[in-house]
């Protein structure tokens, strides 16, 4: 089995991301369940990188020519979903901050009277 340069870079990236997730877990930024999710995701990424033939049957069923085509479409779909989730989350945060600022401003006006 020949490992291509892209596979090496992908594996190194996944190992780096596991390390980053571990650091966030140690700092208590993420909990154990989230750490398990990210570790599993990046481990799966490594397995798919080393053995892309695992997805060959699925790509044939979905009429993709290559596994890489399928993975790229899947990656764009995930990025679009995450971008939308990020947008919605930011809108919620803006509303909460706006409500908090208004409440504080009204309290300051009332306390000065």
C-alpha atoms as a PDB file:
ATOM      1  CA  UNK A   1       0.000   0.000   0.000  1.00  0.00           C
ATOM      2  CA  UNK A   2       1.462   3.327  -1.087  1.00  0.00           C
ATOM      3  CA  UNK A   3       0.586   6.307   1.073  1.00  0.00           C
ATOM      4  CA  UNK A   4       0.215   9.474  -0.947  1.00  0.00           C
ATOM      5  CA  UNK A   5       1.329  12.888   0.218  1.00  0.00           C
ATOM      6  CA  UNK A   6      -2.298  13.952   0.597  1.00  0.00           C
ATOM      7  CA  UNK A   7      -2.915  11.024   2.926  1.00  0.00           C
ATOM      8  CA  UNK A   8       0.106  11.914   5.049  1.00  0.00           C
ATOM      9  CA  UNK A   9      -0.988  15.536   5.313  1.00  0.00           C
ATOM     10  CA  UNK A  10      -4.559  14.453   6.147  1.00  0.00           C
ATOM     11  CA  UNK A  11      -3.372  12.087   8.871  1.00  0.00           C
ATOM     12  CA  UNK A  12      -1.093  14.729  10.382  1.00  0.00           C
ATOM     13  CA  UNK A  13      -3.974  17.210  10.331  1.00  0.00           C
ATOM     14  CA  UNK A  14      -6.291  14.732  12.068  1.00  0.00           C
ATOM     15  CA  UNK A  15      -3.676  14.009  14.733  1.00  0.00           C
ATOM     16  CA  UNK A  16      -3.242  17.747  15.259  1.00  0.00           C
ATOM     17  CA  UNK A  17      -7.024  18.189  15.614  1.00  0.00           C
ATOM     18  CA  UNK A  18      -7.161  15.362  18.167  1.00  0.00           C
ATOM     19  CA  UNK A  19      -4.450  17.192  20.104  1.00  0.00           C
ATOM     20  CA  UNK A  20      -6.386  20.482  19.903  1.00  0.00           C
ATOM     21  CA  UNK A  21      -9.549  18.748  21.145  1.00  0.00           C
ATOM     22  CA  UNK A  22      -7.537  17.194  23.972  1.00  0.00           C
ATOM     23  CA  UNK A  23      -6.201  20.619  24.992  1.00  0.00           C
ATOM     24  CA  UNK A  24      -9.715  22.059  25.062  1.00  0.00           C
ATOM     25  CA  UNK A  25     -10.884  19.102  27.126  1.00  0.00           C
ATOM     26  CA  UNK A  26      -8.038  19.635  29.622  1.00  0.00           C
ATOM     27  CA  UNK A  27      -8.979  23.325  29.908  1.00  0.00           C
ATOM     28  CA  UNK A  28     -12.599  22.253  30.514  1.00  0.00           C
ATOM     29  CA  UNK A  29     -13.773  24.069  27.363  1.00  0.00           C
ATOM     30  CA  UNK A  30     -15.479  20.847  26.243  1.00  0.00           C
ATOM     31  CA  UNK A  31     -16.840  17.991  28.317  1.00  0.00           C
ATOM     32  CA  UNK A  32     -16.063  14.282  28.107  1.00  0.00           C
ATOM     33  CA  UNK A  33     -18.901  13.525  25.704  1.00  0.00           C
ATOM     34  CA  UNK A  34     -17.783  16.238  23.309  1.00  0.00           C
ATOM     35  CA  UNK A  35     -14.201  15.010  23.559  1.00  0.00           C
ATOM     36  CA  UNK A  36     -15.372  11.492  22.699  1.00  0.00           C
ATOM     37  CA  UNK A  37     -17.287  12.867  19.686  1.00  0.00           C
ATOM     38  CA  UNK A  38     -14.309  14.810  18.335  1.00  0.00           C
ATOM     39  CA  UNK A  39     -11.874  11.975  18.985  1.00  0.00           C
ATOM     40  CA  UNK A  40     -14.193   9.537  17.189  1.00  0.00           C
ATOM     41  CA  UNK A  41     -14.685  11.936  14.283  1.00  0.00           C
ATOM     42  CA  UNK A  42     -10.969  12.470  13.734  1.00  0.00           C
ATOM     43  CA  UNK A  43     -10.183   8.785  14.215  1.00  0.00           C
ATOM     44  CA  UNK A  44     -12.805   8.000  11.571  1.00  0.00           C
ATOM     45  CA  UNK A  45     -11.172  10.601   9.343  1.00  0.00           C
ATOM     46  CA  UNK A  46      -7.834   8.810   9.733  1.00  0.00           C
ATOM     47  CA  UNK A  47      -9.400   5.425   8.952  1.00  0.00           C
ATOM     48  CA  UNK A  48     -11.133   6.752   5.828  1.00  0.00           C
ATOM     49  CA  UNK A  49      -7.886   8.427   4.763  1.00  0.00           C
ATOM     50  CA  UNK A  50      -5.923   5.194   5.123  1.00  0.00           C
ATOM     51  CA  UNK A  51      -8.621   2.959   3.630  1.00  0.00           C
ATOM     52  CA  UNK A  52     -10.685   4.983   1.138  1.00  0.00           C
ATOM     53  CA  UNK A  53     -12.024   1.746  -0.353  1.00  0.00           C
ATOM     54  CA  UNK A  54     -14.344   1.459   2.653  1.00  0.00           C
ATOM     55  CA  UNK A  55     -16.599   4.057   1.013  1.00  0.00           C
ATOM     56  CA  UNK A  56     -16.338   2.686  -2.530  1.00  0.00           C
ATOM     57  CA  UNK A  57     -19.650   0.780  -2.384  1.00  0.00           C
ATOM     58  CA  UNK A  58     -21.475   3.823  -1.034  1.00  0.00           C
ATOM     59  CA  UNK A  59     -20.065   6.056  -3.772  1.00  0.00           C
ATOM     60  CA  UNK A  60     -21.214   3.595  -6.440  1.00  0.00           C
ATOM     61  CA  UNK A  61     -24.724   3.507  -4.972  1.00  0.00           C
ATOM     62  CA  UNK A  62     -24.851   7.336  -4.961  1.00  0.00           C
ATOM     63  CA  UNK A  63     -23.364   7.521  -8.501  1.00  0.00           C
ATOM     64  CA  UNK A  64     -20.142   9.324  -7.631  1.00  0.00           C
ATOM     65  CA  UNK A  65     -17.168   8.571  -9.842  1.00  0.00           C
ATOM     66  CA  UNK A  66     -14.580   8.644  -7.059  1.00  0.00           C
ATOM     67  CA  UNK A  67     -14.539   8.489  -3.285  1.00  0.00           C
ATOM     68  CA  UNK A  68     -12.869  11.921  -3.228  1.00  0.00           C
ATOM     69  CA  UNK A  69     -15.835  13.443  -5.110  1.00  0.00           C
ATOM     70  CA  UNK A  70     -18.210  12.046  -2.501  1.00  0.00           C
ATOM     71  CA  UNK A  71     -16.061  13.314   0.359  1.00  0.00           C
ATOM     72  CA  UNK A  72     -15.836  16.796  -1.151  1.00  0.00           C
ATOM     73  CA  UNK A  73     -19.622  17.033  -1.577  1.00  0.00           C
ATOM     74  CA  UNK A  74     -20.084  15.748   1.976  1.00  0.00           C
ATOM     75  CA  UNK A  75     -17.551  18.295   3.270  1.00  0.00           C
ATOM     76  CA  UNK A  76     -19.353  21.182   1.542  1.00  0.00           C
ATOM     77  CA  UNK A  77     -22.668  20.029   2.970  1.00  0.00           C
ATOM     78  CA  UNK A  78     -21.206  19.880   6.471  1.00  0.00           C
ATOM     79  CA  UNK A  79     -19.603  23.314   6.089  1.00  0.00           C
ATOM     80  CA  UNK A  80     -22.887  24.800   4.868  1.00  0.00           C
ATOM     81  CA  UNK A  81     -24.716  23.302   7.852  1.00  0.00           C
ATOM     82  CA  UNK A  82     -22.085  24.555  10.311  1.00  0.00           C
ATOM     83  CA  UNK A  83     -22.143  28.006   8.735  1.00  0.00           C
ATOM     84  CA  UNK A  84     -25.912  28.166   9.140  1.00  0.00           C
ATOM     85  CA  UNK A  85     -25.722  26.915  12.739  1.00  0.00           C
ATOM     86  CA  UNK A  86     -23.075  29.555  13.469  1.00  0.00           C
ATOM     87  CA  UNK A  87     -25.282  32.264  11.954  1.00  0.00           C
ATOM     88  CA  UNK A  88     -28.314  31.242  14.021  1.00  0.00           C
ATOM     89  CA  UNK A  89     -26.205  31.008  17.179  1.00  0.00           C
ATOM     90  CA  UNK A  90     -24.777  34.488  16.602  1.00  0.00           C
ATOM     91  CA  UNK A  91     -28.271  35.928  16.057  1.00  0.00           C
ATOM     92  CA  UNK A  92     -29.427  34.425  19.367  1.00  0.00           C
ATOM     93  CA  UNK A  93     -26.378  35.851  21.125  1.00  0.00           C
ATOM     94  CA  UNK A  94     -26.985  39.297  19.603  1.00  0.00           C
ATOM     95  CA  UNK A  95     -30.570  39.283  20.887  1.00  0.00           C
ATOM     96  CA  UNK A  96     -29.455  38.275  24.386  1.00  0.00           C
ATOM     97  CA  UNK A  97     -26.756  40.956  24.470  1.00  0.00           C
ATOM     98  CA  UNK A  98     -29.186  43.578  23.185  1.00  0.00           C
ATOM     99  CA  UNK A  99     -31.723  42.653  25.880  1.00  0.00           C
ATOM    100  CA  UNK A 100     -29.030  42.766  28.572  1.00  0.00           C
ATOM    101  CA  UNK A 101     -27.747  46.161  27.426  1.00  0.00           C
ATOM    102  CA  UNK A 102     -31.275  47.589  27.350  1.00  0.00           C
ATOM    103  CA  UNK A 103     -31.994  46.241  30.822  1.00  0.00           C
ATOM    104  CA  UNK A 104     -28.739  47.708  32.211  1.00  0.00           C
ATOM    105  CA  UNK A 105     -29.409  51.055  30.527  1.00  0.00           C
ATOM    106  CA  UNK A 106     -32.901  51.236  32.047  1.00  0.00           C
ATOM    107  CA  UNK A 107     -31.493  50.348  35.481  1.00  0.00           C
ATOM    108  CA  UNK A 108     -28.892  53.114  35.165  1.00  0.00           C
ATOM    109  CA  UNK A 109     -31.534  55.671  34.175  1.00  0.00           C
ATOM    110  CA  UNK A 110     -33.774  54.671  37.080  1.00  0.00           C
ATOM    111  CA  UNK A 111     -30.931  54.749  39.598  1.00  0.00           C
ATOM    112  CA  UNK A 112     -29.921  58.299  38.545  1.00  0.00           C
ATOM    113  CA  UNK A 113     -33.428  59.670  39.183  1.00  0.00           C
END
